[in-house]
Amino acid sequence: MLLLDRIFECYVQLPDGVNVSKDARLAISKAASVFVLYATSCANTFAVQHKRKTISANDVLDAMKEMEFDTFLEPLKSSLVAYKKEQLEKKEASERRKKAREEGVIPEGVTEEVGDNDSEAAEENGKDEEEED
């Protein structure tokens, strides 16, 4: 129920003065659970048809289409692209930190977050290395 409360606070814009009763929250929670189970079952069917045991993002998208939730396809695809981009950026940042540690630029045990400024610093480091050669 805590997750549902957070969803109502962050994503659902109820008009002023409108409250959602405990029973309604419980009903919504149960409906969401049933939806997730049904979507998972449909996505699993697509995975099995392709002789896979793991459900992929495409299986979920195909399941949404089969369940006639076409209006969710574009937002889901956009979210998936954004998620993959974020994961790639995190991986690249981790690799840059690892490389910097190996080169002795960042001392062991220091965990600095890598941001936009770090890419500029990495470029400058690359220029310095080229000048030394």
N, C-alpha and C. Protein backbone atom coordinates (compact mmCIF):
# COMPACT_ATOMS: atom_id res chain seq x y z
N MET A 1 0.82 -1.19 0.00
CA MET A 1 0.00 0.00 0.00
C MET A 1 0.87 1.27 0.00
N LEU A 2 2.08 1.17 0.56
CA LEU A 2 2.95 2.35 0.58
C LEU A 2 3.32 2.79 -0.82
N LEU A 3 3.58 1.83 -1.70
CA LEU A 3 3.91 2.17 -3.08
C LEU A 3 2.73 2.86 -3.74
N LEU A 4 1.54 2.34 -3.48
CA LEU A 4 0.34 2.95 -4.06
C LEU A 4 0.15 4.37 -3.54
N ASP A 5 0.43 4.60 -2.26
CA ASP A 5 0.34 5.96 -1.71
C ASP A 5 1.31 6.89 -2.42
N ARG A 6 2.54 6.40 -2.67
CA ARG A 6 3.54 7.20 -3.36
C ARG A 6 3.10 7.51 -4.80
N ILE A 7 2.49 6.53 -5.44
CA ILE A 7 2.00 6.75 -6.81
C ILE A 7 0.93 7.83 -6.81
N PHE A 8 0.01 7.76 -5.86
CA PHE A 8 -1.03 8.78 -5.79
C PHE A 8 -0.43 10.15 -5.53
N GLU A 9 0.59 10.23 -4.68
CA GLU A 9 1.20 11.52 -4.36
C GLU A 9 1.94 12.10 -5.56
N CYS A 10 2.67 11.25 -6.28
CA CYS A 10 3.57 11.74 -7.33
C CYS A 10 2.95 11.83 -8.72
N TYR A 11 2.11 10.87 -9.05
CA TYR A 11 1.70 10.75 -10.45
C TYR A 11 0.21 11.01 -10.71
N VAL A 12 -0.63 10.86 -9.72
CA VAL A 12 -2.06 11.03 -9.93
C VAL A 12 -2.47 12.39 -9.41
N GLN A 13 -2.96 13.21 -10.30
CA GLN A 13 -3.38 14.56 -9.94
C GLN A 13 -4.88 14.55 -9.66
N LEU A 14 -5.25 14.32 -8.40
CA LEU A 14 -6.65 14.36 -8.02
C LEU A 14 -7.07 15.80 -7.80
N PRO A 15 -8.32 16.12 -8.12
CA PRO A 15 -8.80 17.48 -7.86
C PRO A 15 -8.76 17.79 -6.36
N ASP A 16 -8.68 19.07 -6.03
CA ASP A 16 -8.67 19.48 -4.63
C ASP A 16 -9.91 18.95 -3.91
N GLY A 17 -9.70 18.48 -2.70
CA GLY A 17 -10.82 18.01 -1.88
C GLY A 17 -11.21 16.57 -2.15
N VAL A 18 -10.57 15.91 -3.12
CA VAL A 18 -10.91 14.52 -3.43
C VAL A 18 -9.95 13.61 -2.70
N ASN A 19 -10.50 12.67 -1.96
CA ASN A 19 -9.70 11.69 -1.24
C ASN A 19 -10.03 10.30 -1.76
N VAL A 20 -9.09 9.40 -1.64
CA VAL A 20 -9.30 8.02 -2.05
C VAL A 20 -9.37 7.18 -0.78
N SER A 21 -10.49 6.49 -0.61
CA SER A 21 -10.68 5.71 0.61
C SER A 21 -9.74 4.51 0.66
N LYS A 22 -9.62 3.94 1.85
CA LYS A 22 -8.76 2.77 2.02
C LYS A 22 -9.25 1.61 1.15
N ASP A 23 -10.57 1.43 1.09
CA ASP A 23 -11.13 0.35 0.27
C ASP A 23 -10.81 0.55 -1.20
N ALA A 24 -10.90 1.80 -1.65
CA ALA A 24 -10.60 2.09 -3.05
C ALA A 24 -9.12 1.84 -3.34
N ARG A 25 -8.26 2.24 -2.42
CA ARG A 25 -6.82 1.99 -2.59
C ARG A 25 -6.54 0.49 -2.64
N LEU A 26 -7.21 -0.27 -1.79
CA LEU A 26 -7.04 -1.72 -1.79
C LEU A 26 -7.51 -2.32 -3.12
N ALA A 27 -8.65 -1.85 -3.61
CA ALA A 27 -9.18 -2.34 -4.88
C ALA A 27 -8.23 -2.02 -6.03
N ILE A 28 -7.68 -0.81 -6.03
CA ILE A 28 -6.74 -0.42 -7.08
C ILE A 28 -5.48 -1.27 -6.99
N SER A 29 -5.03 -1.52 -5.78
CA SER A 29 -3.84 -2.35 -5.58
C SER A 29 -4.07 -3.77 -6.11
N LYS A 30 -5.20 -4.33 -5.79
CA LYS A 30 -5.52 -5.69 -6.28
C LYS A 30 -5.64 -5.70 -7.80
N ALA A 31 -6.28 -4.68 -8.37
CA ALA A 31 -6.42 -4.60 -9.82
C ALA A 31 -5.06 -4.49 -10.49
N ALA A 32 -4.16 -3.70 -9.90
CA ALA A 32 -2.81 -3.54 -10.45
C ALA A 32 -2.07 -4.88 -10.40
N SER A 33 -2.23 -5.61 -9.31
CA SER A 33 -1.59 -6.93 -9.19
C SER A 33 -2.09 -7.89 -10.26
N VAL A 34 -3.39 -7.90 -10.47
CA VAL A 34 -3.97 -8.77 -11.49
C VAL A 34 -3.47 -8.37 -12.88
N PHE A 35 -3.39 -7.06 -13.14
CA PHE A 35 -2.90 -6.57 -14.42
C PHE A 35 -1.46 -7.02 -14.65
N VAL A 36 -0.62 -6.87 -13.65
CA VAL A 36 0.79 -7.25 -13.79
C VAL A 36 0.91 -8.75 -14.04
N LEU A 37 0.13 -9.54 -13.32
CA LEU A 37 0.18 -11.00 -13.52
C LEU A 37 -0.29 -11.38 -14.93
N TYR A 38 -1.36 -10.73 -15.40
CA TYR A 38 -1.88 -11.02 -16.74
C TYR A 38 -0.86 -10.59 -17.81
N ALA A 39 -0.28 -9.41 -17.65
CA ALA A 39 0.71 -8.93 -18.61
C ALA A 39 1.93 -9.86 -18.62
N THR A 40 2.34 -10.31 -17.46
CA THR A 40 3.48 -11.23 -17.37
C THR A 40 3.16 -12.55 -18.05
N SER A 41 1.95 -13.04 -17.84
CA SER A 41 1.54 -14.29 -18.48
C SER A 41 1.54 -14.16 -20.00
N CYS A 42 1.00 -13.05 -20.49
CA CYS A 42 0.99 -12.82 -21.95
C CYS A 42 2.41 -12.70 -22.49
N ALA A 43 3.26 -11.96 -21.79
CA ALA A 43 4.64 -11.79 -22.23
C ALA A 43 5.37 -13.13 -22.21
N ASN A 44 5.08 -13.95 -21.20
CA ASN A 44 5.70 -15.27 -21.11
C ASN A 44 5.29 -16.14 -22.31
N THR A 45 4.07 -16.01 -22.75
CA THR A 45 3.60 -16.75 -23.92
C THR A 45 4.45 -16.41 -25.14
N PHE A 46 4.75 -15.14 -25.32
CA PHE A 46 5.61 -14.73 -26.44
C PHE A 46 7.01 -15.29 -26.29
N ALA A 47 7.54 -15.29 -25.08
CA ALA A 47 8.88 -15.83 -24.85
C ALA A 47 8.91 -17.32 -25.17
N VAL A 48 7.90 -18.05 -24.74
CA VAL A 48 7.83 -19.49 -24.99
C VAL A 48 7.71 -19.76 -26.50
N GLN A 49 6.93 -18.95 -27.19
CA GLN A 49 6.79 -19.10 -28.64
C GLN A 49 8.13 -18.94 -29.35
N HIS A 50 9.00 -18.12 -28.78
CA HIS A 50 10.33 -17.91 -29.36
C HIS A 50 11.38 -18.83 -28.73
N LYS A 51 10.90 -19.84 -28.00
CA LYS A 51 11.76 -20.85 -27.37
C LYS A 51 12.77 -20.23 -26.40
N ARG A 52 12.29 -19.27 -25.61
CA ARG A 52 13.12 -18.64 -24.59
C ARG A 52 12.45 -18.80 -23.24
N LYS A 53 13.26 -18.82 -22.20
CA LYS A 53 12.73 -18.90 -20.84
C LYS A 53 12.69 -17.54 -20.17
N THR A 54 13.35 -16.57 -20.76
CA THR A 54 13.42 -15.22 -20.19
C THR A 54 12.53 -14.28 -20.97
N ILE A 55 11.72 -13.52 -20.25
CA ILE A 55 10.84 -12.53 -20.88
C ILE A 55 11.67 -11.30 -21.21
N SER A 56 11.59 -10.85 -22.46
CA SER A 56 12.32 -9.65 -22.88
C SER A 56 11.38 -8.45 -22.93
N ALA A 57 11.96 -7.28 -23.09
CA ALA A 57 11.17 -6.05 -23.20
C ALA A 57 10.23 -6.14 -24.41
N ASN A 58 10.71 -6.72 -25.50
CA ASN A 58 9.86 -6.86 -26.69
C ASN A 58 8.66 -7.77 -26.41
N ASP A 59 8.86 -8.78 -25.57
CA ASP A 59 7.75 -9.66 -25.20
C ASP A 59 6.68 -8.86 -24.45
N VAL A 60 7.12 -7.97 -23.58
CA VAL A 60 6.18 -7.14 -22.82
C VAL A 60 5.44 -6.20 -23.76
N LEU A 61 6.16 -5.60 -24.71
CA LEU A 61 5.51 -4.71 -25.67
C LEU A 61 4.50 -5.47 -26.52
N ASP A 62 4.88 -6.68 -26.96
CA ASP A 62 3.95 -7.50 -27.74
C ASP A 62 2.73 -7.88 -26.91
N ALA A 63 2.94 -8.14 -25.62
CA ALA A 63 1.83 -8.48 -24.73
C ALA A 63 0.87 -7.29 -24.60
N MET A 64 1.42 -6.10 -24.48
CA MET A 64 0.58 -4.90 -24.38
C MET A 64 -0.28 -4.75 -25.63
N LYS A 65 0.34 -5.03 -26.78
CA LYS A 65 -0.40 -4.95 -28.04
C LYS A 65 -1.52 -6.00 -28.06
N GLU A 66 -1.19 -7.22 -27.64
CA GLU A 66 -2.18 -8.30 -27.63
C GLU A 66 -3.31 -8.00 -26.65
N MET A 67 -2.99 -7.37 -25.53
CA MET A 67 -4.01 -7.05 -24.53
C MET A 67 -4.79 -5.78 -24.91
N GLU A 68 -4.48 -5.23 -26.08
CA GLU A 68 -5.14 -4.04 -26.62
C GLU A 68 -4.88 -2.79 -25.78
N PHE A 69 -3.65 -2.67 -25.27
CA PHE A 69 -3.21 -1.47 -24.58
C PHE A 69 -2.24 -0.71 -25.47
N ASP A 70 -2.63 -0.52 -26.72
CA ASP A 70 -1.78 0.15 -27.70
C ASP A 70 -1.38 1.56 -27.29
N THR A 71 -2.24 2.23 -26.53
CA THR A 71 -1.93 3.61 -26.13
C THR A 71 -0.71 3.67 -25.20
N PHE A 72 -0.36 2.55 -24.59
CA PHE A 72 0.80 2.52 -23.69
C PHE A 72 2.10 2.20 -24.42
N LEU A 73 2.03 1.78 -25.65
CA LEU A 73 3.23 1.33 -26.36
C LEU A 73 4.28 2.43 -26.50
N GLU A 74 3.89 3.59 -26.99
CA GLU A 74 4.88 4.67 -27.18
C GLU A 74 5.49 5.14 -25.86
N PRO A 75 4.67 5.38 -24.80
CA PRO A 75 5.30 5.76 -23.52
C PRO A 75 6.22 4.66 -22.98
N LEU A 76 5.85 3.41 -23.15
CA LEU A 76 6.71 2.32 -22.69
C LEU A 76 8.01 2.27 -23.49
N LYS A 77 7.90 2.44 -24.80
CA LYS A 77 9.11 2.44 -25.63
C LYS A 77 10.03 3.61 -25.26
N SER A 78 9.45 4.77 -25.02
CA SER A 78 10.25 5.94 -24.63
C SER A 78 10.94 5.69 -23.29
N SER A 79 10.21 5.12 -22.36
CA SER A 79 10.79 4.81 -21.05
C SER A 79 11.91 3.80 -21.17
N LEU A 80 11.72 2.81 -22.03
CA LEU A 80 12.74 1.79 -22.24
C LEU A 80 14.01 2.39 -22.84
N VAL A 81 13.86 3.26 -23.81
CA VAL A 81 15.01 3.92 -24.43
C VAL A 81 15.74 4.77 -23.38
N ALA A 82 14.99 5.52 -22.58
CA ALA A 82 15.60 6.35 -21.54
C ALA A 82 16.32 5.49 -20.51
N TYR A 83 15.73 4.37 -20.13
CA TYR A 83 16.35 3.46 -19.16
C TYR A 83 17.65 2.89 -19.71
N LYS A 84 17.62 2.44 -20.96
CA LYS A 84 18.83 1.86 -21.56
C LYS A 84 19.94 2.92 -21.67
N LYS A 85 19.56 4.14 -22.02
CA LYS A 85 20.54 5.23 -22.11
C LYS A 85 21.16 5.49 -20.75
N GLU A 86 20.34 5.54 -19.71
CA GLU A 86 20.83 5.78 -18.36
C GLU A 86 21.77 4.66 -17.92
N GLN A 87 21.42 3.41 -18.21
CA GLN A 87 22.27 2.29 -17.84
C GLN A 87 23.60 2.33 -18.58
N LEU A 88 23.57 2.71 -19.85
CA LEU A 88 24.80 2.82 -20.63
C LEU A 88 25.70 3.91 -20.06
N GLU A 89 25.10 5.05 -19.70
CA GLU A 89 25.88 6.14 -19.11
C GLU A 89 26.52 5.71 -17.79
N LYS A 90 25.77 4.97 -16.97
CA LYS A 90 26.32 4.48 -15.70
C LYS A 90 27.48 3.53 -15.95
N LYS A 91 27.32 2.65 -16.94
CA LYS A 91 28.38 1.69 -17.25
C LYS A 91 29.63 2.42 -17.74
N GLU A 92 29.44 3.39 -18.63
CA GLU A 92 30.58 4.15 -19.15
C GLU A 92 31.27 4.93 -18.03
N ALA A 93 30.49 5.51 -17.12
CA ALA A 93 31.06 6.26 -16.00
C ALA A 93 31.86 5.33 -15.10
N SER A 94 31.33 4.15 -14.87
CA SER A 94 32.03 3.16 -14.04
C SER A 94 33.34 2.75 -14.70
N GLU A 95 33.31 2.54 -16.01
CA GLU A 95 34.53 2.17 -16.73
C GLU A 95 35.56 3.29 -16.69
N ARG A 96 35.10 4.55 -16.80
CA ARG A 96 36.02 5.69 -16.72
C ARG A 96 36.66 5.76 -15.34
N ARG A 97 35.85 5.56 -14.29
CA ARG A 97 36.41 5.58 -12.93
C ARG A 97 37.42 4.45 -12.74
N LYS A 98 37.09 3.28 -13.27
CA LYS A 98 38.00 2.13 -13.14
C LYS A 98 39.32 2.42 -13.85
N LYS A 99 39.22 2.97 -15.06
CA LYS A 99 40.42 3.30 -15.82
C LYS A 99 41.24 4.37 -15.11
N ALA A 100 40.55 5.37 -14.55
CA ALA A 100 41.25 6.44 -13.83
C ALA A 100 41.97 5.88 -12.60
N ARG A 101 41.34 4.95 -11.90
CA ARG A 101 41.99 4.34 -10.74
C ARG A 101 43.23 3.55 -11.16
N GLU A 102 43.08 2.80 -12.27
CA GLU A 102 44.21 2.01 -12.76
C GLU A 102 45.38 2.91 -13.15
N GLU A 103 45.06 4.09 -13.67
CA GLU A 103 46.10 5.03 -14.07
C GLU A 103 46.59 5.88 -12.91
N GLY A 104 45.96 5.70 -11.74
CA GLY A 104 46.37 6.44 -10.55
C GLY A 104 45.84 7.84 -10.47
N VAL A 105 44.88 8.20 -11.32
CA VAL A 105 44.32 9.54 -11.30
C VAL A 105 43.39 9.70 -10.09
N ILE A 106 42.59 8.69 -9.79
CA ILE A 106 41.69 8.71 -8.64
C ILE A 106 42.22 7.70 -7.63
N PRO A 107 42.50 8.13 -6.39
CA PRO A 107 43.00 7.19 -5.38
C PRO A 107 41.98 6.10 -5.08
N GLU A 108 42.46 4.94 -4.70
CA GLU A 108 41.62 3.81 -4.34
C GLU A 108 40.71 4.21 -3.18
N GLY A 109 39.45 3.79 -3.24
CA GLY A 109 38.51 4.08 -2.16
C GLY A 109 37.72 5.36 -2.35
N VAL A 110 38.11 6.23 -3.25
CA VAL A 110 37.37 7.46 -3.51
C VAL A 110 36.26 7.13 -4.47
N THR A 111 35.05 7.50 -4.11
CA THR A 111 33.90 7.21 -4.97
C THR A 111 33.22 8.51 -5.35
N GLU A 112 33.76 9.16 -6.34
CA GLU A 112 33.17 10.40 -6.83
C GLU A 112 32.15 10.06 -7.89
N GLU A 113 31.04 10.80 -7.89
CA GLU A 113 30.05 10.64 -8.93
C GLU A 113 30.58 11.26 -10.21
N VAL A 114 30.35 10.59 -11.30
CA VAL A 114 30.82 11.10 -12.58
C VAL A 114 29.70 11.87 -13.23
N GLY A 115 29.97 13.12 -13.58
CA GLY A 115 28.97 13.97 -14.22
C GLY A 115 29.50 14.50 -15.52
N ASP A 116 28.87 15.56 -16.01
CA ASP A 116 29.28 16.15 -17.28
C ASP A 116 30.69 16.72 -17.20
N ASN A 117 31.08 17.27 -16.05
CA ASN A 117 32.40 17.86 -15.90
C ASN A 117 33.49 16.81 -16.02
N ASP A 118 33.18 15.57 -15.61
CA ASP A 118 34.18 14.51 -15.68
C ASP A 118 34.51 14.14 -17.11
N SER A 119 33.53 14.26 -18.01
CA SER A 119 33.84 13.93 -19.40
C SER A 119 34.81 14.97 -19.97
N GLU A 120 34.66 16.24 -19.53
CA GLU A 120 35.60 17.26 -19.98
C GLU A 120 36.98 16.98 -19.41
N ALA A 121 37.02 16.58 -18.14
CA ALA A 121 38.30 16.27 -17.50
C ALA A 121 38.95 15.07 -18.19
N ALA A 122 38.14 14.09 -18.57
CA ALA A 122 38.68 12.92 -19.26
C ALA A 122 39.26 13.32 -20.61
N GLU A 123 38.58 14.25 -21.29
CA GLU A 123 39.11 14.72 -22.58
C GLU A 123 40.44 15.44 -22.38
N GLU A 124 40.52 16.28 -21.32
CA GLU A 124 41.76 16.99 -21.05
C GLU A 124 42.88 16.02 -20.71
N ASN A 125 42.56 14.98 -19.93
CA ASN A 125 43.56 13.96 -19.60
C ASN A 125 44.05 13.27 -20.85
N GLY A 126 43.12 13.01 -21.77
CA GLY A 126 43.51 12.37 -23.03
C GLY A 126 44.43 13.26 -23.84
N LYS A 127 44.20 14.58 -23.83
CA LYS A 127 45.06 15.52 -24.55
C LYS A 127 46.44 15.57 -23.92
N ASP A 128 46.47 15.55 -22.55
CA ASP A 128 47.76 15.57 -21.85
C ASP A 128 48.59 14.35 -22.21
N GLU A 129 47.91 13.19 -22.26
CA GLU A 129 48.63 11.96 -22.60
C GLU A 129 49.18 12.01 -24.02
N GLU A 130 48.40 12.61 -24.95
CA GLU A 130 48.87 12.71 -26.33
C GLU A 130 50.10 13.61 -26.41
N GLU A 131 50.11 14.70 -25.61
CA GLU A 131 51.24 15.63 -25.63
C GLU A 131 52.50 14.98 -25.11
N GLU A 132 52.34 14.04 -24.14
CA GLU A 132 53.51 13.37 -23.56
C GLU A 132 54.15 12.43 -24.58
N ASP A 133 53.35 11.85 -25.48
CA ASP A 133 53.89 10.89 -26.46
C ASP A 133 54.72 11.58 -27.45
